[in-house]
């Protein structure tokens, strides 16, 4: 009888695992910039697309047009049993917190936000580490020792990018000038290419010859301005080197694609867990991008130096100050 019980228990476990895999109904809610913003959201979209290609499992996509629709869409998906639900962006934290509380059986994963609830997984990145690398590259490529940064919405998360970038530039050139501007104080600041172009041109007029944009869709205007004026630009989140080949020095890649993919893969395997996940250089969560579109702009000396800097950050020999740790860029 004992042997029969063990066989039966094993069979039940296998059946339960199969049911769990079959029952997964993954969904994603993009932020208002939309899944084709050529930046943050599109990185998530690329990860989801690959997940569907690899598994055949379709992911339900939602693109709210305004802030009110974010909670409505999350709630609608939860009511229909979609799980896990990936929420893209820090500005969804309040809505996710409310809906997760009302649907404790649904798994939620938020990218770039932190929520302490038993059915929420928070995924954040060490953007300051990746920004340090591209800041160092900017300083090496600059002929004027003046580089620029255009942020999107003026919040600590975006200042975290700017602070890391400044540290990287000054690690290479201690007396470098780093000009920083933010686009605005609302979510619209991530989708204003015209303002991005104006800010970039202003920085170029002040001597900057490399500008890093951490501004979502606003960055498209920065990159166009750089191309028009024969300067260099640095992309963000996804690899944006292809947007203006020969103008894009590099991109600070934030592997939101891998993060989204892993949420669904883990859920399908019954391994999804709540809590906080932090991804930096050591975890492959951030990096700089090198491909055919920018290969001619990156010398062997630059590659060697950045590889060395990267290892020193991972080992802890270089400590990159996180703006969000104390809301200052004192380092």
C-alpha atoms as a PDB file:
ATOM      1  CA  UNK A   1       0.000   0.000   0.000  1.00  0.00           C
ATOM      2  CA  UNK A   2       2.885   2.329   0.785  1.00  0.00           C
ATOM      3  CA  UNK A   3       4.256   1.864  -2.752  1.00  0.00           C
ATOM      4  CA  UNK A   4       0.846   2.541  -4.261  1.00  0.00           C
ATOM      5  CA  UNK A   5       0.547   5.724  -2.184  1.00  0.00           C
ATOM      6  CA  UNK A   6       3.924   6.984  -3.380  1.00  0.00           C
ATOM      7  CA  UNK A   7       3.045   6.334  -7.019  1.00  0.00           C
ATOM      8  CA  UNK A   8      -0.304   8.045  -6.560  1.00  0.00           C
ATOM      9  CA  UNK A   9       1.297  11.035  -4.834  1.00  0.00           C
ATOM     10  CA  UNK A  10       3.843  11.356  -7.629  1.00  0.00           C
ATOM     11  CA  UNK A  11       1.123  11.132 -10.255  1.00  0.00           C
ATOM     12  CA  UNK A  12      -0.894  13.815  -8.469  1.00  0.00           C
ATOM     13  CA  UNK A  13       2.160  16.092  -8.252  1.00  0.00           C
ATOM     14  CA  UNK A  14       2.850  15.702 -11.977  1.00  0.00           C
ATOM     15  CA  UNK A  15      -0.791  16.350 -12.785  1.00  0.00           C
ATOM     16  CA  UNK A  16      -0.803  19.446 -10.579  1.00  0.00           C
ATOM     17  CA  UNK A  17       2.341  20.771 -12.231  1.00  0.00           C
ATOM     18  CA  UNK A  18       0.877  20.159 -15.677  1.00  0.00           C
ATOM     19  CA  UNK A  19      -2.336  21.887 -14.700  1.00  0.00           C
ATOM     20  CA  UNK A  20      -0.391  24.840 -13.375  1.00  0.00           C
ATOM     21  CA  UNK A  21       1.550  25.129 -16.629  1.00  0.00           C
ATOM     22  CA  UNK A  22      -1.632  24.797 -18.673  1.00  0.00           C
ATOM     23  CA  UNK A  23      -3.488  27.333 -16.530  1.00  0.00           C
ATOM     24  CA  UNK A  24      -1.000  30.172 -16.944  1.00  0.00           C
ATOM     25  CA  UNK A  25      -2.729  33.185 -18.486  1.00  0.00           C
ATOM     26  CA  UNK A  26       0.024  35.805 -18.747  1.00  0.00           C
ATOM     27  CA  UNK A  27      -0.707  39.471 -19.347  1.00  0.00           C
ATOM     28  CA  UNK A  28       1.150  42.765 -19.549  1.00  0.00           C
ATOM     29  CA  UNK A  29       0.051  46.352 -19.041  1.00  0.00           C
ATOM     30  CA  UNK A  30       2.349  48.845 -20.782  1.00  0.00           C
ATOM     31  CA  UNK A  31       2.646  52.423 -19.655  1.00  0.00           C
ATOM     32  CA  UNK A  32       1.120  55.294 -21.600  1.00  0.00           C
ATOM     33  CA  UNK A  33       4.065  55.612 -24.000  1.00  0.00           C
ATOM     34  CA  UNK A  34       2.896  52.349 -25.601  1.00  0.00           C
ATOM     35  CA  UNK A  35       4.694  49.159 -26.545  1.00  0.00           C
ATOM     36  CA  UNK A  36       6.403  50.700 -29.586  1.00  0.00           C
ATOM     37  CA  UNK A  37       8.161  53.571 -27.804  1.00  0.00           C
ATOM     38  CA  UNK A  38      11.541  52.297 -29.122  1.00  0.00           C
ATOM     39  CA  UNK A  39      12.744  52.260 -25.517  1.00  0.00           C
ATOM     40  CA  UNK A  40      11.539  50.921 -22.160  1.00  0.00           C
ATOM     41  CA  UNK A  41       8.156  49.491 -23.168  1.00  0.00           C
ATOM     42  CA  UNK A  42       9.481  48.090 -26.409  1.00  0.00           C
ATOM     43  CA  UNK A  43      12.171  46.247 -24.461  1.00  0.00           C
ATOM     44  CA  UNK A  44       9.430  44.514 -22.471  1.00  0.00           C
ATOM     45  CA  UNK A  45       7.512  43.836 -25.690  1.00  0.00           C
ATOM     46  CA  UNK A  46      10.592  42.185 -27.207  1.00  0.00           C
ATOM     47  CA  UNK A  47      10.918  39.883 -24.204  1.00  0.00           C
ATOM     48  CA  UNK A  48       7.256  38.948 -24.387  1.00  0.00           C
ATOM     49  CA  UNK A  49       7.454  38.312 -28.125  1.00  0.00           C
ATOM     50  CA  UNK A  50      10.385  35.965 -27.599  1.00  0.00           C
ATOM     51  CA  UNK A  51       8.530  34.170 -24.816  1.00  0.00           C
ATOM     52  CA  UNK A  52       5.566  33.528 -27.121  1.00  0.00           C
ATOM     53  CA  UNK A  53       7.889  32.378 -29.916  1.00  0.00           C
ATOM     54  CA  UNK A  54       9.652  29.965 -27.561  1.00  0.00           C
ATOM     55  CA  UNK A  55       6.580  28.544 -25.831  1.00  0.00           C
ATOM     56  CA  UNK A  56       3.579  29.190 -28.041  1.00  0.00           C
ATOM     57  CA  UNK A  57       1.865  30.835 -25.054  1.00  0.00           C
ATOM     58  CA  UNK A  58       0.146  34.080 -25.980  1.00  0.00           C
ATOM     59  CA  UNK A  59       0.473  37.060 -23.647  1.00  0.00           C
ATOM     60  CA  UNK A  60      -2.534  39.361 -23.336  1.00  0.00           C
ATOM     61  CA  UNK A  61      -1.395  42.941 -23.935  1.00  0.00           C
ATOM     62  CA  UNK A  62      -2.994  46.120 -22.624  1.00  0.00           C
ATOM     63  CA  UNK A  63      -2.101  49.699 -23.564  1.00  0.00           C
ATOM     64  CA  UNK A  64      -3.906  52.225 -21.345  1.00  0.00           C
ATOM     65  CA  UNK A  65      -4.233  55.689 -22.852  1.00  0.00           C
ATOM     66  CA  UNK A  66      -4.369  57.586 -19.563  1.00  0.00           C
ATOM     67  CA  UNK A  67      -3.677  57.134 -15.853  1.00  0.00           C
ATOM     68  CA  UNK A  68      -7.265  56.203 -14.992  1.00  0.00           C
ATOM     69  CA  UNK A  69      -7.201  53.320 -17.463  1.00  0.00           C
ATOM     70  CA  UNK A  70      -4.171  51.746 -15.776  1.00  0.00           C
ATOM     71  CA  UNK A  71      -6.115  50.576 -12.726  1.00  0.00           C
ATOM     72  CA  UNK A  72      -9.165  49.740 -14.838  1.00  0.00           C
ATOM     73  CA  UNK A  73      -7.129  47.527 -17.147  1.00  0.00           C
ATOM     74  CA  UNK A  74      -5.284  45.800 -14.296  1.00  0.00           C
ATOM     75  CA  UNK A  75      -8.571  45.114 -12.539  1.00  0.00           C
ATOM     76  CA  UNK A  76     -10.214  43.804 -15.708  1.00  0.00           C
ATOM     77  CA  UNK A  77      -7.333  41.392 -16.355  1.00  0.00           C
ATOM     78  CA  UNK A  78      -7.355  40.169 -12.746  1.00  0.00           C
ATOM     79  CA  UNK A  79     -11.123  39.564 -12.834  1.00  0.00           C
ATOM     80  CA  UNK A  80     -10.659  37.449 -15.944  1.00  0.00           C
ATOM     81  CA  UNK A  81      -8.040  35.320 -14.204  1.00  0.00           C
ATOM     82  CA  UNK A  82      -4.930  36.509 -15.996  1.00  0.00           C
ATOM     83  CA  UNK A  83      -1.817  35.683 -14.002  1.00  0.00           C
ATOM     84  CA  UNK A  84       0.932  36.689 -13.752  1.00  0.00           C
ATOM     85  CA  UNK A  85       0.286  40.266 -14.791  1.00  0.00           C
ATOM     86  CA  UNK A  86       3.350  42.374 -15.590  1.00  0.00           C
ATOM     87  CA  UNK A  87       2.980  46.111 -14.953  1.00  0.00           C
ATOM     88  CA  UNK A  88       5.495  48.216 -16.858  1.00  0.00           C
ATOM     89  CA  UNK A  89       6.816  51.232 -15.005  1.00  0.00           C
ATOM     90  CA  UNK A  90       7.078  52.892 -11.593  1.00  0.00           C
ATOM     91  CA  UNK A  91       3.994  55.030 -12.218  1.00  0.00           C
ATOM     92  CA  UNK A  92       1.797  51.919 -11.961  1.00  0.00           C
ATOM     93  CA  UNK A  93       2.790  51.244  -8.342  1.00  0.00           C
ATOM     94  CA  UNK A  94      -0.308  52.762  -6.776  1.00  0.00           C
ATOM     95  CA  UNK A  95      -2.704  50.972  -9.140  1.00  0.00           C
ATOM     96  CA  UNK A  96      -0.925  47.619  -8.764  1.00  0.00           C
ATOM     97  CA  UNK A  97      -0.947  47.950  -4.979  1.00  0.00           C
ATOM     98  CA  UNK A  98      -4.721  48.507  -4.925  1.00  0.00           C
ATOM     99  CA  UNK A  99      -5.617  45.762  -7.398  1.00  0.00           C
ATOM    100  CA  UNK A 100      -3.199  43.212  -5.898  1.00  0.00           C
ATOM    101  CA  UNK A 101      -4.855  43.708  -2.518  1.00  0.00           C
ATOM    102  CA  UNK A 102      -8.273  42.984  -4.027  1.00  0.00           C
ATOM    103  CA  UNK A 103      -7.054  39.908  -5.931  1.00  0.00           C
ATOM    104  CA  UNK A 104      -4.684  38.044  -3.574  1.00  0.00           C
ATOM    105  CA  UNK A 105      -4.736  34.915  -5.734  1.00  0.00           C
ATOM    106  CA  UNK A 106      -3.319  36.767  -8.775  1.00  0.00           C
ATOM    107  CA  UNK A 107       0.432  37.181  -9.252  1.00  0.00           C
ATOM    108  CA  UNK A 108       1.620  40.675 -10.164  1.00  0.00           C
ATOM    109  CA  UNK A 109       5.123  41.688 -11.242  1.00  0.00           C
ATOM    110  CA  UNK A 110       6.010  45.370 -11.474  1.00  0.00           C
ATOM    111  CA  UNK A 111       9.086  46.519 -13.369  1.00  0.00           C
ATOM    112  CA  UNK A 112      10.788  49.618 -11.892  1.00  0.00           C
ATOM    113  CA  UNK A 113       8.563  49.770  -8.832  1.00  0.00           C
ATOM    114  CA  UNK A 114       8.623  48.367  -5.302  1.00  0.00           C
ATOM    115  CA  UNK A 115       5.481  47.072  -3.592  1.00  0.00           C
ATOM    116  CA  UNK A 116       5.570  45.061  -0.394  1.00  0.00           C
ATOM    117  CA  UNK A 117       2.630  42.670  -0.799  1.00  0.00           C
ATOM    118  CA  UNK A 118       2.614  38.862  -0.700  1.00  0.00           C
ATOM    119  CA  UNK A 119       1.404  38.482  -4.292  1.00  0.00           C
ATOM    120  CA  UNK A 120       3.624  41.160  -5.862  1.00  0.00           C
ATOM    121  CA  UNK A 121       7.103  40.744  -7.314  1.00  0.00           C
ATOM    122  CA  UNK A 122       9.124  43.964  -7.589  1.00  0.00           C
ATOM    123  CA  UNK A 123      11.886  44.104 -10.220  1.00  0.00           C
ATOM    124  CA  UNK A 124      14.321  47.025 -10.127  1.00  0.00           C
ATOM    125  CA  UNK A 125      17.684  47.728 -11.718  1.00  0.00           C
ATOM    126  CA  UNK A 126      21.007  49.309 -10.811  1.00  0.00           C
ATOM    127  CA  UNK A 127      20.700  51.944 -13.529  1.00  0.00           C
ATOM    128  CA  UNK A 128      23.522  53.937 -11.943  1.00  0.00           C
ATOM    129  CA  UNK A 129      25.983  51.155 -12.780  1.00  0.00           C
ATOM    130  CA  UNK A 130      25.066  51.000 -16.472  1.00  0.00           C
ATOM    131  CA  UNK A 131      24.963  54.800 -16.651  1.00  0.00           C
ATOM    132  CA  UNK A 132      28.480  54.968 -15.179  1.00  0.00           C
ATOM    133  CA  UNK A 133      29.724  52.844 -18.091  1.00  0.00           C
ATOM    134  CA  UNK A 134      28.143  55.001 -20.798  1.00  0.00           C
ATOM    135  CA  UNK A 135      29.311  58.147 -18.985  1.00  0.00           C
ATOM    136  CA  UNK A 136      32.856  56.820 -19.164  1.00  0.00           C
ATOM    137  CA  UNK A 137      32.404  56.089 -22.879  1.00  0.00           C
ATOM    138  CA  UNK A 138      30.996  59.587 -23.437  1.00  0.00           C
ATOM    139  CA  UNK A 139      34.044  61.172 -21.788  1.00  0.00           C
ATOM    140  CA  UNK A 140      36.399  59.048 -23.884  1.00  0.00           C
ATOM    141  CA  UNK A 141      34.594  60.009 -27.099  1.00  0.00           C
ATOM    142  CA  UNK A 142      34.190  63.714 -26.264  1.00  0.00           C
ATOM    143  CA  UNK A 143      36.515  66.217 -27.929  1.00  0.00           C
ATOM    144  CA  UNK A 144      35.304  69.105 -25.750  1.00  0.00           C
ATOM    145  CA  UNK A 145      35.299  67.446 -22.312  1.00  0.00           C
ATOM    146  CA  UNK A 146      31.657  68.534 -22.095  1.00  0.00           C
ATOM    147  CA  UNK A 147      28.868  65.972 -22.223  1.00  0.00           C
ATOM    148  CA  UNK A 148      25.131  66.229 -21.719  1.00  0.00           C
ATOM    149  CA  UNK A 149      22.232  64.365 -20.115  1.00  0.00           C
ATOM    150  CA  UNK A 150      18.546  64.771 -20.987  1.00  0.00           C
ATOM    151  CA  UNK A 151      16.189  63.135 -18.518  1.00  0.00           C
ATOM    152  CA  UNK A 152      12.478  62.556 -18.895  1.00  0.00           C
ATOM    153  CA  UNK A 153      10.298  63.134 -15.852  1.00  0.00           C
ATOM    154  CA  UNK A 154      12.134  64.840 -13.003  1.00  0.00           C
ATOM    155  CA  UNK A 155      12.026  62.065 -10.400  1.00  0.00           C
ATOM    156  CA  UNK A 156      14.692  60.292  -8.320  1.00  0.00           C
ATOM    157  CA  UNK A 157      14.787  57.298 -10.686  1.00  0.00           C
ATOM    158  CA  UNK A 158      15.814  59.472 -13.642  1.00  0.00           C
ATOM    159  CA  UNK A 159      18.257  61.480 -11.524  1.00  0.00           C
ATOM    160  CA  UNK A 160      19.784  58.078 -10.686  1.00  0.00           C
ATOM    161  CA  UNK A 161      20.681  57.704 -14.378  1.00  0.00           C
ATOM    162  CA  UNK A 162      22.108  61.223 -14.536  1.00  0.00           C
ATOM    163  CA  UNK A 163      24.174  60.815 -11.388  1.00  0.00           C
ATOM    164  CA  UNK A 164      25.685  57.524 -12.557  1.00  0.00           C
ATOM    165  CA  UNK A 165      26.467  59.098 -15.931  1.00  0.00           C
ATOM    166  CA  UNK A 166      28.181  62.064 -14.300  1.00  0.00           C
ATOM    167  CA  UNK A 167      30.300  59.777 -12.120  1.00  0.00           C
ATOM    168  CA  UNK A 168      31.397  57.733 -15.137  1.00  0.00           C
ATOM    169  CA  UNK A 169      32.334  60.809 -17.154  1.00  0.00           C
ATOM    170  CA  UNK A 170      34.345  62.280 -14.289  1.00  0.00           C
ATOM    171  CA  UNK A 171      36.029  58.950 -13.601  1.00  0.00           C
ATOM    172  CA  UNK A 172      37.634  59.306 -17.037  1.00  0.00           C
ATOM    173  CA  UNK A 173      38.014  63.106 -17.140  1.00  0.00           C
ATOM    174  CA  UNK A 174      37.992  64.559 -13.632  1.00  0.00           C
ATOM    175  CA  UNK A 175      37.320  68.123 -14.804  1.00  0.00           C
ATOM    176  CA  UNK A 176      34.662  67.175 -17.355  1.00  0.00           C
ATOM    177  CA  UNK A 177      31.544  69.344 -17.550  1.00  0.00           C
ATOM    178  CA  UNK A 178      28.256  67.444 -17.386  1.00  0.00           C
ATOM    179  CA  UNK A 179      25.182  69.478 -18.405  1.00  0.00           C
ATOM    180  CA  UNK A 180      21.893  68.030 -17.174  1.00  0.00           C
ATOM    181  CA  UNK A 181      18.301  68.954 -18.040  1.00  0.00           C
ATOM    182  CA  UNK A 182      14.982  67.302 -17.260  1.00  0.00           C
ATOM    183  CA  UNK A 183      12.125  67.413 -19.754  1.00  0.00           C
ATOM    184  CA  UNK A 184       9.209  67.907 -17.372  1.00  0.00           C
ATOM    185  CA  UNK A 185       7.436  66.993 -14.147  1.00  0.00           C
ATOM    186  CA  UNK A 186       4.679  64.693 -15.454  1.00  0.00           C
ATOM    187  CA  UNK A 187       4.548  61.413 -17.344  1.00  0.00           C
ATOM    188  CA  UNK A 188       4.239  63.366 -20.610  1.00  0.00           C
ATOM    189  CA  UNK A 189       7.963  64.147 -20.250  1.00  0.00           C
ATOM    190  CA  UNK A 190       8.690  60.650 -21.545  1.00  0.00           C
ATOM    191  CA  UNK A 191       6.929  61.290 -24.839  1.00  0.00           C
ATOM    192  CA  UNK A 192       7.998  64.738 -26.046  1.00  0.00           C
ATOM    193  CA  UNK A 193      10.562  64.427 -28.878  1.00  0.00           C
ATOM    194  CA  UNK A 194      10.259  68.123 -29.745  1.00  0.00           C
ATOM    195  CA  UNK A 195      11.311  69.187 -26.248  1.00  0.00           C
ATOM    196  CA  UNK A 196      14.051  66.542 -26.321  1.00  0.00           C
ATOM    197  CA  UNK A 197      15.447  68.058 -29.502  1.00  0.00           C
ATOM    198  CA  UNK A 198      15.355  71.576 -28.032  1.00  0.00           C
ATOM    199  CA  UNK A 199      17.189  70.505 -24.874  1.00  0.00           C
ATOM    200  CA  UNK A 200      19.838  68.631 -26.840  1.00  0.00           C
ATOM    201  CA  UNK A 201      20.459  71.604 -29.138  1.00  0.00           C
ATOM    202  CA  UNK A 202      20.812  73.857 -26.100  1.00  0.00           C
ATOM    203  CA  UNK A 203      23.407  71.520 -24.628  1.00  0.00           C
ATOM    204  CA  UNK A 204      25.276  71.359 -27.942  1.00  0.00           C
ATOM    205  CA  UNK A 205      25.358  75.167 -27.991  1.00  0.00           C
ATOM    206  CA  UNK A 206      27.041  75.024 -24.574  1.00  0.00           C
ATOM    207  CA  UNK A 207      29.810  72.790 -25.883  1.00  0.00           C
ATOM    208  CA  UNK A 208      28.460  69.283 -25.308  1.00  0.00           C
ATOM    209  CA  UNK A 209      29.308  66.871 -28.083  1.00  0.00           C
ATOM    210  CA  UNK A 210      27.834  63.673 -26.569  1.00  0.00           C
ATOM    211  CA  UNK A 211      24.349  63.557 -25.004  1.00  0.00           C
ATOM    212  CA  UNK A 212      22.752  60.679 -23.088  1.00  0.00           C
ATOM    213  CA  UNK A 213      18.950  60.590 -23.080  1.00  0.00           C
ATOM    214  CA  UNK A 214      17.098  58.712 -20.329  1.00  0.00           C
ATOM    215  CA  UNK A 215      13.729  59.953 -21.457  1.00  0.00           C
ATOM    216  CA  UNK A 216      11.745  57.252 -23.256  1.00  0.00           C
ATOM    217  CA  UNK A 217      10.199  58.525 -26.500  1.00  0.00           C
ATOM    218  CA  UNK A 218      11.570  62.013 -25.832  1.00  0.00           C
ATOM    219  CA  UNK A 219      14.994  60.592 -26.635  1.00  0.00           C
ATOM    220  CA  UNK A 220      14.028  60.226 -30.302  1.00  0.00           C
ATOM    221  CA  UNK A 221      14.228  64.014 -30.595  1.00  0.00           C
ATOM    222  CA  UNK A 222      17.612  64.041 -28.853  1.00  0.00           C
ATOM    223  CA  UNK A 223      19.022  61.502 -31.300  1.00  0.00           C
ATOM    224  CA  UNK A 224      17.700  63.388 -34.326  1.00  0.00           C
ATOM    225  CA  UNK A 225      19.222  66.633 -33.047  1.00  0.00           C
ATOM    226  CA  UNK A 226      22.567  64.888 -32.550  1.00  0.00           C
ATOM    227  CA  UNK A 227      22.474  63.574 -36.096  1.00  0.00           C
ATOM    228  CA  UNK A 228      21.530  66.978 -37.512  1.00  0.00           C
ATOM    229  CA  UNK A 229      24.403  68.696 -35.708  1.00  0.00           C
ATOM    230  CA  UNK A 230      27.051  66.029 -36.243  1.00  0.00           C
ATOM    231  CA  UNK A 231      27.247  65.153 -32.538  1.00  0.00           C
ATOM    232  CA  UNK A 232      26.936  61.849 -30.678  1.00  0.00           C
ATOM    233  CA  UNK A 233      24.044  60.469 -28.636  1.00  0.00           C
ATOM    234  CA  UNK A 234      23.546  57.600 -26.211  1.00  0.00           C
ATOM    235  CA  UNK A 235      20.344  55.559 -26.086  1.00  0.00           C
ATOM    236  CA  UNK A 236      18.621  53.978 -23.112  1.00  0.00           C
ATOM    237  CA  UNK A 237      16.766  50.875 -21.900  1.00  0.00           C
ATOM    238  CA  UNK A 238      16.674  48.875 -25.142  1.00  0.00           C
ATOM    239  CA  UNK A 239      19.532  48.856 -27.662  1.00  0.00           C
ATOM    240  CA  UNK A 240      18.746  52.005 -29.660  1.00  0.00           C
ATOM    241  CA  UNK A 241      21.951  52.031 -31.730  1.00  0.00           C
ATOM    242  CA  UNK A 242      19.931  51.268 -34.870  1.00  0.00           C
ATOM    243  CA  UNK A 243      17.823  54.434 -34.600  1.00  0.00           C
ATOM    244  CA  UNK A 244      20.601  56.716 -35.857  1.00  0.00           C
ATOM    245  CA  UNK A 245      23.532  54.499 -36.922  1.00  0.00           C
ATOM    246  CA  UNK A 246      26.817  56.379 -36.779  1.00  0.00           C
ATOM    247  CA  UNK A 247      25.328  58.933 -34.373  1.00  0.00           C
ATOM    248  CA  UNK A 248      24.567  56.584 -31.492  1.00  0.00           C
ATOM    249  CA  UNK A 249      27.778  56.119 -29.526  1.00  0.00           C
ATOM    250  CA  UNK A 250      26.104  53.317 -27.560  1.00  0.00           C
ATOM    251  CA  UNK A 251      22.990  52.556 -25.498  1.00  0.00           C
ATOM    252  CA  UNK A 252      22.661  51.885 -21.786  1.00  0.00           C
ATOM    253  CA  UNK A 253      20.688  48.675 -21.995  1.00  0.00           C
ATOM    254  CA  UNK A 254      18.384  47.722 -19.173  1.00  0.00           C
ATOM    255  CA  UNK A 255      17.344  44.127 -19.695  1.00  0.00           C
ATOM    256  CA  UNK A 256      13.649  44.565 -19.114  1.00  0.00           C
ATOM    257  CA  UNK A 257      13.187  42.026 -21.918  1.00  0.00           C
ATOM    258  CA  UNK A 258      14.864  39.317 -19.849  1.00  0.00           C
ATOM    259  CA  UNK A 259      12.980  40.407 -16.739  1.00  0.00           C
ATOM    260  CA  UNK A 260       9.585  40.093 -18.440  1.00  0.00           C
ATOM    261  CA  UNK A 261      10.517  36.786 -20.056  1.00  0.00           C
ATOM    262  CA  UNK A 262      11.628  35.357 -16.705  1.00  0.00           C
ATOM    263  CA  UNK A 263       8.390  36.373 -14.967  1.00  0.00           C
ATOM    264  CA  UNK A 264       6.344  34.230 -17.337  1.00  0.00           C
ATOM    265  CA  UNK A 265       8.873  31.391 -17.551  1.00  0.00           C
ATOM    266  CA  UNK A 266       9.040  31.140 -13.774  1.00  0.00           C
ATOM    267  CA  UNK A 267       5.249  31.237 -13.436  1.00  0.00           C
ATOM    268  CA  UNK A 268       4.861  28.521 -16.048  1.00  0.00           C
ATOM    269  CA  UNK A 269       7.347  26.356 -14.144  1.00  0.00           C
ATOM    270  CA  UNK A 270       5.643  27.017 -10.829  1.00  0.00           C
ATOM    271  CA  UNK A 271       8.685  28.993  -9.630  1.00  0.00           C
ATOM    272  CA  UNK A 272       7.337  32.545  -9.545  1.00  0.00           C
ATOM    273  CA  UNK A 273       8.064  34.256  -6.231  1.00  0.00           C
ATOM    274  CA  UNK A 274       7.037  37.564  -4.697  1.00  0.00           C
ATOM    275  CA  UNK A 275       9.523  39.978  -3.135  1.00  0.00           C
ATOM    276  CA  UNK A 276      12.291  42.208  -4.428  1.00  0.00           C
ATOM    277  CA  UNK A 277      14.657  41.408  -7.312  1.00  0.00           C
ATOM    278  CA  UNK A 278      17.550  43.818  -8.012  1.00  0.00           C
ATOM    279  CA  UNK A 279      19.489  43.475 -11.283  1.00  0.00           C
ATOM    280  CA  UNK A 280      22.829  45.197 -11.889  1.00  0.00           C
ATOM    281  CA  UNK A 281      26.004  44.596 -13.875  1.00  0.00           C
ATOM    282  CA  UNK A 282      26.822  41.412 -11.967  1.00  0.00           C
ATOM    283  CA  UNK A 283      23.400  39.929 -12.764  1.00  0.00           C
ATOM    284  CA  UNK A 284      23.415  41.021 -16.422  1.00  0.00           C
ATOM    285  CA  UNK A 285      20.574  43.443 -15.709  1.00  0.00           C
ATOM    286  CA  UNK A 286      22.317  46.511 -17.168  1.00  0.00           C
ATOM    287  CA  UNK A 287      25.164  46.985 -19.645  1.00  0.00           C
ATOM    288  CA  UNK A 288      26.307  48.989 -22.663  1.00  0.00           C
ATOM    289  CA  UNK A 289      25.548  48.010 -26.251  1.00  0.00           C
ATOM    290  CA  UNK A 290      28.059  47.239 -28.992  1.00  0.00           C
ATOM    291  CA  UNK A 291      26.925  46.141 -32.446  1.00  0.00           C
ATOM    292  CA  UNK A 292      27.471  46.862 -36.147  1.00  0.00           C
ATOM    293  CA  UNK A 293      25.697  50.222 -35.823  1.00  0.00           C
ATOM    294  CA  UNK A 294      28.267  51.735 -33.455  1.00  0.00           C
ATOM    295  CA  UNK A 295      31.338  49.539 -33.965  1.00  0.00           C
ATOM    296  CA  UNK A 296      33.148  52.265 -35.934  1.00  0.00           C
ATOM    297  CA  UNK A 297      32.765  54.694 -32.999  1.00  0.00           C
ATOM    298  CA  UNK A 298      34.239  52.416 -30.335  1.00  0.00           C
ATOM    299  CA  UNK A 299      38.010  51.961 -30.399  1.00  0.00           C
ATOM    300  CA  UNK A 300      39.866  48.956 -29.014  1.00  0.00           C
ATOM    301  CA  UNK A 301      41.220  51.201 -26.281  1.00  0.00           C
ATOM    302  CA  UNK A 302      37.677  52.191 -25.281  1.00  0.00           C
ATOM    303  CA  UNK A 303      36.554  48.559 -25.217  1.00  0.00           C
ATOM    304  CA  UNK A 304      39.475  47.535 -23.041  1.00  0.00           C
ATOM    305  CA  UNK A 305      38.945  50.426 -20.634  1.00  0.00           C
ATOM    306  CA  UNK A 306      35.211  49.806 -20.276  1.00  0.00           C
ATOM    307  CA  UNK A 307      35.725  46.087 -19.704  1.00  0.00           C
ATOM    308  CA  UNK A 308      38.153  46.993 -16.923  1.00  0.00           C
ATOM    309  CA  UNK A 309      35.763  49.548 -15.391  1.00  0.00           C
ATOM    310  CA  UNK A 310      32.904  47.045 -15.547  1.00  0.00           C
ATOM    311  CA  UNK A 311      34.884  44.411 -13.658  1.00  0.00           C
ATOM    312  CA  UNK A 312      35.915  46.924 -11.022  1.00  0.00           C
ATOM    313  CA  UNK A 313      32.272  47.896 -10.437  1.00  0.00           C
ATOM    314  CA  UNK A 314      31.244  44.238 -10.151  1.00  0.00           C
ATOM    315  CA  UNK A 315      34.078  43.511  -7.718  1.00  0.00           C
ATOM    316  CA  UNK A 316      33.237  46.573  -5.642  1.00  0.00           C
ATOM    317  CA  UNK A 317      36.549  48.325  -6.294  1.00  0.00           C
ATOM    318  CA  UNK A 318      34.551  51.118  -7.921  1.00  0.00           C
ATOM    319  CA  UNK A 319      31.619  52.203  -5.790  1.00  0.00           C
ATOM    320  CA  UNK A 320      28.939  53.925  -7.871  1.00  0.00           C
ATOM    321  CA  UNK A 321      26.765  56.189  -5.756  1.00  0.00           C
ATOM    322  CA  UNK A 322      23.028  55.507  -6.088  1.00  0.00           C
ATOM    323  CA  UNK A 323      21.129  58.810  -6.170  1.00  0.00           C
ATOM    324  CA  UNK A 324      18.052  57.104  -4.754  1.00  0.00           C
ATOM    325  CA  UNK A 325      19.899  56.000  -1.620  1.00  0.00           C
ATOM    326  CA  UNK A 326      19.914  59.557  -0.225  1.00  0.00           C
ATOM    327  CA  UNK A 327      18.449  61.768  -2.994  1.00  0.00           C
ATOM    328  CA  UNK A 328      21.804  63.401  -3.621  1.00  0.00           C
ATOM    329  CA  UNK A 329      24.568  63.048  -6.175  1.00  0.00           C
ATOM    330  CA  UNK A 330      27.308  63.459  -3.578  1.00  0.00           C
ATOM    331  CA  UNK A 331      30.060  60.931  -4.241  1.00  0.00           C
END
